[in-house]
Amino acid sequence: MSGTLNKVMLIGHLGDEVKLHYFEGGNCIGRFPIATNESYTNRQTGEKVTNTEWHNIVVRNKAAEVCEKYLSKGDLIYVEGRLKTRQWQGEDGNTRYTTEIQATDFTFLSNRNDPTGPPQGTAPSRETSAGQGSQGGQRPAPVDTPEEEDDLPF
């Protein structure tokens, strides 16, 4: 294989509320942490051990607004995206680094009986360059559309 791949798939719980930051021109960025857990039993002690990893998720524009509206701390979410490391200067003058997941797709997995929640028939979709994200839910059934009659012999 001659190409490369930068893809992350996570299922985890939100560790905090989605925080939005708006820019000039109306674009926005949303950030939130999710936790993933790994559990196993220590064979020597018989003790159950749980390790938690924290992941910083970044969503953009409409996807960020959807996440802010429908997600709360503790909710379960599936996120697909790519790893991106960025750097900045800290207040102390030192260069700091962070690795984030730039989300390209997501699905809300928490079951809510909230009538104001996201529509349950909405299919996940890829985030486009314009920043359209998915709203989660289950895939809808195909819609039957009337076919046009044509006189073509094939």
N, C-alpha and C. Protein backbone atom coordinates (compact mmCIF):
# COMPACT_ATOMS: atom_id res chain seq x y z
N MET A 1 0.85 -1.17 0.00
CA MET A 1 0.00 0.00 0.00
C MET A 1 0.89 1.23 0.00
N SER A 2 0.68 2.12 -0.93
CA SER A 2 1.55 3.28 -1.07
C SER A 2 1.01 4.51 -0.36
N GLY A 3 -0.27 4.52 0.02
CA GLY A 3 -0.86 5.69 0.66
C GLY A 3 -0.75 5.64 2.17
N THR A 4 -1.28 6.66 2.79
CA THR A 4 -1.31 6.69 4.25
C THR A 4 -2.75 6.87 4.70
N LEU A 5 -2.98 6.64 5.98
CA LEU A 5 -4.32 6.74 6.53
C LEU A 5 -4.26 7.38 7.89
N ASN A 6 -5.10 8.36 8.12
CA ASN A 6 -5.22 9.03 9.41
C ASN A 6 -6.69 8.98 9.77
N LYS A 7 -7.10 7.93 10.51
CA LYS A 7 -8.51 7.74 10.83
C LYS A 7 -8.65 7.27 12.27
N VAL A 8 -9.60 7.87 12.97
CA VAL A 8 -9.87 7.52 14.36
C VAL A 8 -11.36 7.22 14.49
N MET A 9 -11.69 6.16 15.21
CA MET A 9 -13.08 5.84 15.52
C MET A 9 -13.16 5.61 17.03
N LEU A 10 -14.03 6.37 17.68
CA LEU A 10 -14.16 6.29 19.13
C LEU A 10 -15.63 6.20 19.54
N ILE A 11 -15.89 5.47 20.60
CA ILE A 11 -17.18 5.51 21.28
C ILE A 11 -16.86 5.83 22.73
N GLY A 12 -17.41 6.93 23.21
CA GLY A 12 -17.11 7.34 24.58
C GLY A 12 -18.17 8.26 25.14
N HIS A 13 -17.97 8.62 26.40
CA HIS A 13 -18.88 9.51 27.12
C HIS A 13 -18.29 10.91 27.18
N LEU A 14 -19.15 11.91 26.99
CA LEU A 14 -18.72 13.30 27.11
C LEU A 14 -18.28 13.58 28.54
N GLY A 15 -17.13 14.23 28.67
CA GLY A 15 -16.61 14.58 29.98
C GLY A 15 -16.98 15.98 30.40
N ASP A 16 -17.55 16.76 29.49
CA ASP A 16 -17.93 18.14 29.77
C ASP A 16 -18.90 18.59 28.69
N GLU A 17 -19.49 19.75 28.88
CA GLU A 17 -20.40 20.32 27.88
C GLU A 17 -19.60 20.76 26.65
N VAL A 18 -20.27 20.85 25.50
CA VAL A 18 -19.64 21.34 24.27
C VAL A 18 -19.44 22.84 24.41
N LYS A 19 -18.23 23.31 24.12
CA LYS A 19 -17.93 24.73 24.20
C LYS A 19 -17.73 25.26 22.78
N LEU A 20 -18.52 26.29 22.42
CA LEU A 20 -18.44 26.88 21.08
C LEU A 20 -17.65 28.18 21.11
N HIS A 21 -16.94 28.41 20.01
CA HIS A 21 -16.24 29.68 19.80
C HIS A 21 -16.58 30.15 18.39
N TYR A 22 -17.15 31.36 18.29
CA TYR A 22 -17.55 31.91 16.99
C TYR A 22 -16.46 32.83 16.45
N PHE A 23 -16.31 32.83 15.13
CA PHE A 23 -15.34 33.66 14.43
C PHE A 23 -16.07 34.67 13.57
N GLU A 24 -15.31 35.64 13.06
CA GLU A 24 -15.89 36.58 12.11
C GLU A 24 -16.34 35.81 10.88
N GLY A 25 -17.44 36.21 10.31
CA GLY A 25 -17.98 35.52 9.14
C GLY A 25 -19.00 34.44 9.51
N GLY A 26 -19.22 34.23 10.80
CA GLY A 26 -20.24 33.28 11.23
C GLY A 26 -19.79 31.85 11.45
N ASN A 27 -18.55 31.51 11.11
CA ASN A 27 -18.07 30.16 11.35
C ASN A 27 -17.84 29.95 12.84
N CYS A 28 -17.90 28.69 13.26
CA CYS A 28 -17.65 28.39 14.67
C CYS A 28 -16.93 27.06 14.81
N ILE A 29 -16.38 26.86 15.98
CA ILE A 29 -15.69 25.63 16.31
C ILE A 29 -16.19 25.18 17.68
N GLY A 30 -16.43 23.89 17.81
CA GLY A 30 -16.87 23.32 19.08
C GLY A 30 -15.83 22.34 19.58
N ARG A 31 -15.63 22.35 20.89
CA ARG A 31 -14.66 21.44 21.50
C ARG A 31 -15.31 20.75 22.69
N PHE A 32 -15.01 19.46 22.83
CA PHE A 32 -15.46 18.72 24.01
C PHE A 32 -14.58 17.48 24.20
N PRO A 33 -14.40 17.07 25.45
CA PRO A 33 -13.63 15.85 25.71
C PRO A 33 -14.55 14.63 25.79
N ILE A 34 -14.07 13.49 25.33
CA ILE A 34 -14.78 12.24 25.58
C ILE A 34 -13.82 11.26 26.23
N ALA A 35 -14.39 10.37 27.04
CA ALA A 35 -13.60 9.36 27.76
C ALA A 35 -13.92 7.99 27.20
N THR A 36 -12.87 7.22 26.96
CA THR A 36 -13.04 5.81 26.61
C THR A 36 -12.40 4.99 27.72
N ASN A 37 -13.00 3.83 28.00
CA ASN A 37 -12.53 2.99 29.10
C ASN A 37 -12.10 1.62 28.60
N GLU A 38 -11.09 1.10 29.27
CA GLU A 38 -10.62 -0.27 29.03
C GLU A 38 -10.64 -0.97 30.37
N SER A 39 -11.36 -2.07 30.48
CA SER A 39 -11.45 -2.80 31.74
C SER A 39 -10.91 -4.21 31.57
N TYR A 40 -10.22 -4.68 32.59
CA TYR A 40 -9.72 -6.05 32.60
C TYR A 40 -9.56 -6.49 34.05
N THR A 41 -9.38 -7.77 34.25
CA THR A 41 -9.16 -8.31 35.58
C THR A 41 -7.69 -8.69 35.72
N ASN A 42 -7.06 -8.18 36.75
CA ASN A 42 -5.67 -8.50 37.04
C ASN A 42 -5.61 -9.96 37.46
N ARG A 43 -4.87 -10.77 36.74
CA ARG A 43 -4.83 -12.22 36.99
C ARG A 43 -4.17 -12.55 38.31
N GLN A 44 -3.25 -11.73 38.76
CA GLN A 44 -2.53 -12.03 40.00
C GLN A 44 -3.36 -11.69 41.23
N THR A 45 -4.08 -10.57 41.18
CA THR A 45 -4.84 -10.13 42.36
C THR A 45 -6.33 -10.40 42.23
N GLY A 46 -6.84 -10.66 41.01
CA GLY A 46 -8.26 -10.86 40.80
C GLY A 46 -9.04 -9.56 40.83
N GLU A 47 -8.32 -8.44 40.92
CA GLU A 47 -8.96 -7.12 40.99
C GLU A 47 -9.31 -6.62 39.60
N LYS A 48 -10.49 -5.99 39.52
CA LYS A 48 -10.91 -5.40 38.25
C LYS A 48 -10.23 -4.04 38.10
N VAL A 49 -9.58 -3.83 36.95
CA VAL A 49 -8.84 -2.60 36.68
C VAL A 49 -9.49 -1.89 35.50
N THR A 50 -9.72 -0.59 35.63
CA THR A 50 -10.28 0.21 34.55
C THR A 50 -9.34 1.36 34.25
N ASN A 51 -8.94 1.47 32.99
CA ASN A 51 -8.11 2.59 32.53
C ASN A 51 -8.96 3.49 31.65
N THR A 52 -8.88 4.79 31.90
CA THR A 52 -9.64 5.77 31.14
C THR A 52 -8.69 6.62 30.31
N GLU A 53 -9.01 6.77 29.04
CA GLU A 53 -8.28 7.67 28.14
C GLU A 53 -9.18 8.83 27.80
N TRP A 54 -8.63 10.04 27.78
CA TRP A 54 -9.38 11.23 27.42
C TRP A 54 -8.96 11.69 26.04
N HIS A 55 -9.95 12.08 25.22
CA HIS A 55 -9.72 12.51 23.85
C HIS A 55 -10.40 13.85 23.65
N ASN A 56 -9.67 14.80 23.06
CA ASN A 56 -10.22 16.12 22.76
C ASN A 56 -10.81 16.11 21.36
N ILE A 57 -12.11 16.38 21.26
CA ILE A 57 -12.83 16.35 19.99
C ILE A 57 -13.08 17.77 19.51
N VAL A 58 -12.90 17.99 18.20
CA VAL A 58 -13.15 19.30 17.58
C VAL A 58 -14.14 19.10 16.46
N VAL A 59 -15.24 19.88 16.50
CA VAL A 59 -16.25 19.87 15.43
C VAL A 59 -16.41 21.30 14.93
N ARG A 60 -16.82 21.45 13.69
CA ARG A 60 -16.87 22.79 13.08
C ARG A 60 -18.27 23.13 12.59
N ASN A 61 -18.55 24.43 12.61
CA ASN A 61 -19.73 25.04 12.00
C ASN A 61 -21.03 24.38 12.42
N LYS A 62 -21.84 23.95 11.46
CA LYS A 62 -23.17 23.41 11.77
C LYS A 62 -23.06 22.19 12.68
N ALA A 63 -22.07 21.35 12.45
CA ALA A 63 -21.89 20.16 13.29
C ALA A 63 -21.64 20.56 14.74
N ALA A 64 -20.88 21.63 14.95
CA ALA A 64 -20.60 22.11 16.30
C ALA A 64 -21.88 22.60 16.96
N GLU A 65 -22.71 23.31 16.21
CA GLU A 65 -23.96 23.82 16.77
C GLU A 65 -24.92 22.69 17.12
N VAL A 66 -24.95 21.64 16.29
CA VAL A 66 -25.79 20.48 16.57
C VAL A 66 -25.31 19.78 17.84
N CYS A 67 -24.01 19.62 17.97
CA CYS A 67 -23.46 18.97 19.17
C CYS A 67 -23.78 19.78 20.42
N GLU A 68 -23.63 21.09 20.33
CA GLU A 68 -23.91 21.93 21.50
C GLU A 68 -25.38 21.82 21.90
N LYS A 69 -26.25 21.75 20.92
CA LYS A 69 -27.69 21.72 21.19
C LYS A 69 -28.13 20.40 21.81
N TYR A 70 -27.60 19.28 21.35
CA TYR A 70 -28.13 17.98 21.73
C TYR A 70 -27.27 17.16 22.68
N LEU A 71 -26.02 17.53 22.89
CA LEU A 71 -25.14 16.74 23.75
C LEU A 71 -25.00 17.36 25.13
N SER A 72 -24.90 16.50 26.13
CA SER A 72 -24.67 16.93 27.51
C SER A 72 -23.59 16.05 28.12
N LYS A 73 -23.01 16.53 29.18
CA LYS A 73 -21.99 15.76 29.89
C LYS A 73 -22.55 14.37 30.24
N GLY A 74 -21.76 13.34 29.95
CA GLY A 74 -22.16 11.96 30.23
C GLY A 74 -22.78 11.24 29.06
N ASP A 75 -23.20 11.96 28.02
CA ASP A 75 -23.82 11.31 26.86
C ASP A 75 -22.81 10.43 26.12
N LEU A 76 -23.32 9.35 25.54
CA LEU A 76 -22.51 8.43 24.75
C LEU A 76 -22.56 8.88 23.29
N ILE A 77 -21.38 8.91 22.64
CA ILE A 77 -21.29 9.36 21.26
C ILE A 77 -20.26 8.51 20.50
N TYR A 78 -20.56 8.28 19.22
CA TYR A 78 -19.60 7.67 18.30
C TYR A 78 -19.02 8.79 17.47
N VAL A 79 -17.69 8.84 17.38
CA VAL A 79 -17.00 9.90 16.63
C VAL A 79 -16.02 9.26 15.66
N GLU A 80 -16.03 9.74 14.42
CA GLU A 80 -15.01 9.38 13.43
C GLU A 80 -14.29 10.66 13.04
N GLY A 81 -13.01 10.55 12.82
CA GLY A 81 -12.27 11.73 12.42
C GLY A 81 -10.82 11.41 12.16
N ARG A 82 -9.99 12.46 12.25
CA ARG A 82 -8.56 12.29 12.02
C ARG A 82 -7.79 12.99 13.12
N LEU A 83 -6.59 12.51 13.40
CA LEU A 83 -5.73 13.11 14.41
C LEU A 83 -5.07 14.36 13.85
N LYS A 84 -4.99 15.37 14.67
CA LYS A 84 -4.30 16.61 14.28
C LYS A 84 -3.59 17.13 15.52
N THR A 85 -2.30 17.40 15.39
CA THR A 85 -1.52 17.97 16.48
C THR A 85 -1.28 19.44 16.17
N ARG A 86 -1.50 20.28 17.16
CA ARG A 86 -1.24 21.71 16.98
C ARG A 86 -0.36 22.19 18.11
N GLN A 87 0.27 23.33 17.88
CA GLN A 87 1.15 23.90 18.90
C GLN A 87 0.82 25.36 19.11
N TRP A 88 1.18 25.87 20.29
CA TRP A 88 0.99 27.27 20.62
C TRP A 88 1.98 27.66 21.71
N GLN A 89 2.11 28.95 21.91
CA GLN A 89 2.99 29.47 22.96
C GLN A 89 2.18 29.64 24.24
N GLY A 90 2.64 29.03 25.32
CA GLY A 90 1.98 29.18 26.61
C GLY A 90 2.30 30.54 27.22
N GLU A 91 1.57 30.89 28.28
CA GLU A 91 1.80 32.17 28.96
C GLU A 91 3.21 32.28 29.51
N ASP A 92 3.81 31.13 29.81
CA ASP A 92 5.18 31.13 30.33
C ASP A 92 6.23 31.19 29.23
N GLY A 93 5.78 31.27 27.96
CA GLY A 93 6.70 31.36 26.83
C GLY A 93 7.12 30.02 26.25
N ASN A 94 6.74 28.93 26.89
CA ASN A 94 7.09 27.60 26.39
C ASN A 94 6.13 27.18 25.28
N THR A 95 6.67 26.40 24.34
CA THR A 95 5.84 25.85 23.27
C THR A 95 5.06 24.67 23.82
N ARG A 96 3.76 24.67 23.60
CA ARG A 96 2.89 23.60 24.06
C ARG A 96 2.29 22.89 22.84
N TYR A 97 1.98 21.61 23.03
CA TYR A 97 1.40 20.79 21.98
C TYR A 97 0.15 20.10 22.50
N THR A 98 -0.79 19.87 21.60
CA THR A 98 -1.96 19.05 21.93
C THR A 98 -2.37 18.27 20.69
N THR A 99 -2.88 17.08 20.91
CA THR A 99 -3.38 16.26 19.81
C THR A 99 -4.89 16.16 19.97
N GLU A 100 -5.61 16.45 18.88
CA GLU A 100 -7.06 16.48 18.90
C GLU A 100 -7.60 15.57 17.80
N ILE A 101 -8.86 15.20 17.94
CA ILE A 101 -9.56 14.48 16.89
C ILE A 101 -10.45 15.48 16.17
N GLN A 102 -10.15 15.73 14.90
CA GLN A 102 -10.98 16.59 14.06
C GLN A 102 -12.11 15.71 13.53
N ALA A 103 -13.30 15.88 14.10
CA ALA A 103 -14.43 15.00 13.77
C ALA A 103 -14.93 15.25 12.35
N THR A 104 -15.14 14.16 11.63
CA THR A 104 -15.74 14.22 10.29
C THR A 104 -17.12 13.60 10.27
N ASP A 105 -17.42 12.78 11.28
CA ASP A 105 -18.71 12.11 11.35
C ASP A 105 -18.98 11.76 12.81
N PHE A 106 -20.22 11.77 13.20
CA PHE A 106 -20.57 11.38 14.56
C PHE A 106 -22.00 10.90 14.62
N THR A 107 -22.29 10.10 15.64
CA THR A 107 -23.64 9.61 15.88
C THR A 107 -23.90 9.65 17.37
N PHE A 108 -25.03 10.23 17.76
CA PHE A 108 -25.41 10.26 19.17
C PHE A 108 -25.92 8.87 19.55
N LEU A 109 -25.41 8.31 20.62
CA LEU A 109 -25.78 6.96 21.02
C LEU A 109 -26.62 6.92 22.29
N SER A 110 -26.69 8.01 23.03
CA SER A 110 -27.50 8.03 24.25
C SER A 110 -28.97 7.99 23.87
N ASN A 111 -29.72 7.18 24.60
CA ASN A 111 -31.15 7.06 24.34
C ASN A 111 -31.88 8.13 25.14
N ARG A 112 -32.57 8.98 24.44
CA ARG A 112 -33.31 10.05 25.10
C ARG A 112 -34.77 9.98 24.70
N ASN A 113 -35.63 10.23 25.64
CA ASN A 113 -37.06 10.31 25.36
C ASN A 113 -37.49 11.76 25.31
N ASP A 114 -36.57 12.63 24.93
CA ASP A 114 -36.82 14.06 24.87
C ASP A 114 -37.46 14.41 23.53
N PRO A 115 -38.71 14.93 23.54
CA PRO A 115 -39.36 15.25 22.27
C PRO A 115 -38.67 16.38 21.52
N THR A 116 -37.84 17.16 22.19
CA THR A 116 -37.12 18.24 21.50
C THR A 116 -35.76 17.78 21.03
N GLY A 117 -35.43 16.51 21.22
CA GLY A 117 -34.12 15.98 20.84
C GLY A 117 -33.99 15.87 19.33
N PRO A 118 -32.83 15.37 18.87
CA PRO A 118 -32.61 15.26 17.43
C PRO A 118 -33.57 14.26 16.82
N PRO A 119 -33.94 14.47 15.56
CA PRO A 119 -34.84 13.54 14.90
C PRO A 119 -34.25 12.15 14.86
N GLN A 120 -35.05 11.13 15.15
CA GLN A 120 -34.55 9.77 15.22
C GLN A 120 -34.35 9.14 13.86
N GLY A 121 -34.85 9.73 12.79
CA GLY A 121 -34.71 9.13 11.47
C GLY A 121 -33.60 9.76 10.65
N THR A 122 -32.72 10.52 11.26
CA THR A 122 -31.68 11.22 10.52
C THR A 122 -30.46 10.34 10.38
N ALA A 123 -29.95 10.21 9.18
CA ALA A 123 -28.78 9.38 8.93
C ALA A 123 -27.52 10.19 9.15
N PRO A 124 -26.46 9.54 9.68
CA PRO A 124 -25.18 10.23 9.81
C PRO A 124 -24.65 10.58 8.43
N SER A 125 -23.96 11.69 8.35
CA SER A 125 -23.38 12.10 7.06
C SER A 125 -22.00 12.66 7.30
N ARG A 126 -21.20 12.64 6.29
CA ARG A 126 -19.85 13.18 6.37
C ARG A 126 -19.88 14.68 6.46
N GLU A 127 -18.90 15.22 7.18
CA GLU A 127 -18.78 16.67 7.24
C GLU A 127 -18.15 17.12 5.93
N THR A 128 -18.75 18.12 5.29
CA THR A 128 -18.22 18.61 4.04
C THR A 128 -17.29 19.77 4.31
N SER A 129 -16.67 20.27 3.28
CA SER A 129 -15.77 21.40 3.46
C SER A 129 -16.52 22.63 3.93
N ALA A 130 -17.81 22.68 3.69
CA ALA A 130 -18.62 23.80 4.18
C ALA A 130 -18.97 23.62 5.65
N GLY A 131 -18.66 22.44 6.22
CA GLY A 131 -18.84 22.23 7.64
C GLY A 131 -20.16 21.62 8.03
N GLN A 132 -20.81 20.91 7.15
CA GLN A 132 -22.06 20.26 7.50
C GLN A 132 -21.74 18.97 8.23
N GLY A 133 -22.35 18.73 9.37
CA GLY A 133 -22.09 17.53 10.16
C GLY A 133 -23.31 16.65 10.21
N SER A 134 -23.21 15.57 10.96
CA SER A 134 -24.34 14.68 11.08
C SER A 134 -25.12 15.01 12.33
N GLN A 135 -26.35 14.58 12.36
CA GLN A 135 -27.18 14.84 13.52
C GLN A 135 -27.46 13.56 14.29
N GLY A 136 -26.85 12.46 13.91
CA GLY A 136 -27.01 11.23 14.66
C GLY A 136 -28.33 10.54 14.37
N GLY A 137 -28.61 9.51 15.16
CA GLY A 137 -29.86 8.79 14.98
C GLY A 137 -29.64 7.55 14.15
N GLN A 138 -30.73 6.99 13.67
CA GLN A 138 -30.66 5.78 12.88
C GLN A 138 -30.88 6.12 11.41
N ARG A 139 -30.43 5.22 10.57
CA ARG A 139 -30.61 5.45 9.13
C ARG A 139 -32.08 5.34 8.77
N PRO A 140 -32.59 6.29 7.96
CA PRO A 140 -33.99 6.23 7.58
C PRO A 140 -34.22 5.17 6.51
N ALA A 141 -35.47 4.72 6.42
CA ALA A 141 -35.84 3.79 5.36
C ALA A 141 -35.81 4.53 4.03
N PRO A 142 -35.49 3.85 2.94
CA PRO A 142 -35.47 4.52 1.65
C PRO A 142 -36.84 5.09 1.32
N VAL A 143 -36.84 6.23 0.69
CA VAL A 143 -38.08 6.89 0.31
C VAL A 143 -38.43 6.47 -1.10
N ASP A 144 -39.68 6.00 -1.27
CA ASP A 144 -40.13 5.62 -2.61
C ASP A 144 -40.53 6.88 -3.36
N THR A 145 -39.88 7.09 -4.51
CA THR A 145 -40.23 8.23 -5.34
C THR A 145 -40.82 7.70 -6.64
N PRO A 146 -41.84 8.36 -7.15
CA PRO A 146 -42.44 7.88 -8.40
C PRO A 146 -41.43 8.00 -9.54
N GLU A 147 -41.31 6.92 -10.29
CA GLU A 147 -40.38 6.94 -11.41
C GLU A 147 -41.09 7.51 -12.64
N GLU A 148 -40.34 8.26 -13.41
CA GLU A 148 -40.90 8.82 -14.64
C GLU A 148 -40.95 7.73 -15.70
N GLU A 149 -42.01 7.73 -16.44
CA GLU A 149 -42.11 6.78 -17.54
C GLU A 149 -41.41 7.37 -18.75
N ASP A 150 -40.60 6.56 -19.39
CA ASP A 150 -39.93 7.03 -20.60
C ASP A 150 -40.14 5.99 -21.69
N ASP A 151 -39.99 6.42 -22.92
CA ASP A 151 -40.23 5.55 -24.06
C ASP A 151 -38.96 4.94 -24.59
N LEU A 152 -37.91 4.94 -23.82
CA LEU A 152 -36.65 4.37 -24.28
C LEU A 152 -36.73 2.86 -24.25
N PRO A 153 -36.21 2.19 -25.29
CA PRO A 153 -36.31 0.73 -25.37
C PRO A 153 -35.34 0.01 -24.46
N PHE A 154 -34.49 0.70 -23.77
CA PHE A 154 -33.51 0.02 -22.91
C PHE A 154 -33.62 0.47 -21.49
